[in-house]
Amino acid sequence: MHKKIRTLGELKKSGFVSKSIKEELRDNLIKKIKSKEDAFQGILGYEDTVVPDVERAILSQHNILFLGLRGQAKHVWPGK
């Protein structure tokens, strides 16, 4: 059974290694690509244009800023 970690000291002793957001995004995208999963489920109409550019930016760990006209969807929050 997995022991619950309650303190920072216990977390460090467990061998946990912190990652930056960019590293985490990149690692998760690589896993999705390798398993041939849709990394951007629910984004429709941009499979051949925007999605490849976003994938390259994430893999390169670039900063990304999404811009759009007022009223255009720029984010989707799961469960809302």
Protein backbone atom coordinates (compact mmCIF):
# COMPACT_ATOMS: atom_id res chain seq x y z
CA MET A 1 0.00 0.00 0.00
CA HIS A 2 1.12 3.54 -0.77
CA LYS A 3 1.90 5.69 2.30
CA LYS A 4 0.33 9.15 2.26
CA ILE A 5 2.93 11.89 2.06
CA ARG A 6 2.11 14.70 4.46
CA THR A 7 5.20 16.92 4.60
CA LEU A 8 7.78 18.38 2.23
CA GLY A 9 10.45 16.29 3.97
CA GLU A 10 8.50 13.09 3.28
CA LEU A 11 8.04 14.16 -0.33
CA LYS A 12 11.79 14.71 -0.77
CA LYS A 13 12.60 11.35 0.89
CA SER A 14 10.18 9.60 -1.49
CA GLY A 15 12.44 10.51 -4.42
CA PHE A 16 9.95 12.90 -6.03
CA VAL A 17 11.55 15.05 -8.73
CA SER A 18 9.87 18.35 -9.55
CA LYS A 19 9.32 19.32 -13.21
CA SER A 20 8.54 22.65 -14.77
CA ILE A 21 5.17 23.09 -16.49
CA LYS A 22 6.92 23.08 -19.86
CA GLU A 23 8.67 19.78 -19.06
CA GLU A 24 5.40 18.23 -17.86
CA LEU A 25 3.51 19.38 -20.98
CA ARG A 26 6.29 18.07 -23.24
CA ASP A 27 6.47 14.69 -21.48
CA ASN A 28 2.67 14.28 -21.62
CA LEU A 29 2.54 15.24 -25.31
CA ILE A 30 5.31 12.77 -26.16
CA LYS A 31 3.36 10.00 -24.40
CA LYS A 32 0.21 10.90 -26.35
CA ILE A 33 2.08 10.97 -29.67
CA LYS A 34 3.79 7.62 -28.99
CA SER A 35 0.48 5.96 -28.05
CA LYS A 36 -1.23 7.60 -31.09
CA GLU A 37 -3.80 9.29 -28.83
CA ASP A 38 -5.49 12.57 -29.76
CA ALA A 39 -3.54 15.11 -27.70
CA PHE A 40 -6.05 17.89 -28.37
CA GLN A 41 -9.39 16.14 -28.06
CA GLY A 42 -12.32 18.46 -28.64
CA ILE A 43 -10.43 20.99 -30.78
CA LEU A 44 -12.06 20.74 -34.17
CA GLY A 45 -11.11 22.26 -37.50
CA TYR A 46 -7.47 23.01 -36.73
CA GLU A 47 -5.92 19.53 -37.15
CA ASP A 48 -3.82 20.58 -40.15
CA THR A 49 -3.02 24.17 -39.21
CA VAL A 50 -2.91 25.22 -35.56
CA VAL A 51 -2.46 21.84 -33.83
CA PRO A 52 0.89 20.98 -35.51
CA ASP A 53 2.24 24.44 -34.59
CA VAL A 54 1.10 24.04 -30.98
CA GLU A 55 2.67 20.57 -30.82
CA ARG A 56 5.99 21.93 -32.12
CA ALA A 57 5.89 24.80 -29.61
CA ILE A 58 5.23 22.44 -26.70
CA LEU A 59 7.93 20.00 -27.81
CA SER A 60 10.39 22.92 -28.11
CA GLN A 61 9.28 24.26 -24.71
CA HIS A 62 8.44 27.67 -26.18
CA ASN A 63 6.18 30.18 -24.52
CA ILE A 64 2.70 30.14 -26.09
CA LEU A 65 0.12 32.91 -26.14
CA PHE A 66 -3.28 32.22 -27.72
CA LEU A 67 -5.01 35.27 -29.15
CA GLY A 68 -8.42 35.55 -30.72
CA LEU A 69 -11.22 37.96 -31.44
CA ARG A 70 -13.66 38.77 -28.70
CA GLY A 71 -16.30 36.08 -28.54
CA GLN A 72 -14.06 33.35 -29.94
CA ALA A 73 -13.39 30.38 -27.69
CA LYS A 74 -9.79 30.38 -26.52
CA HIS A 75 -9.99 27.77 -23.78
CA VAL A 76 -12.17 24.90 -22.69
CA TRP A 77 -12.39 23.88 -19.05
CA PRO A 78 -13.27 20.20 -18.66
CA GLY A 79 -16.41 19.60 -16.68
CA LYS A 80 -17.79 23.12 -17.10
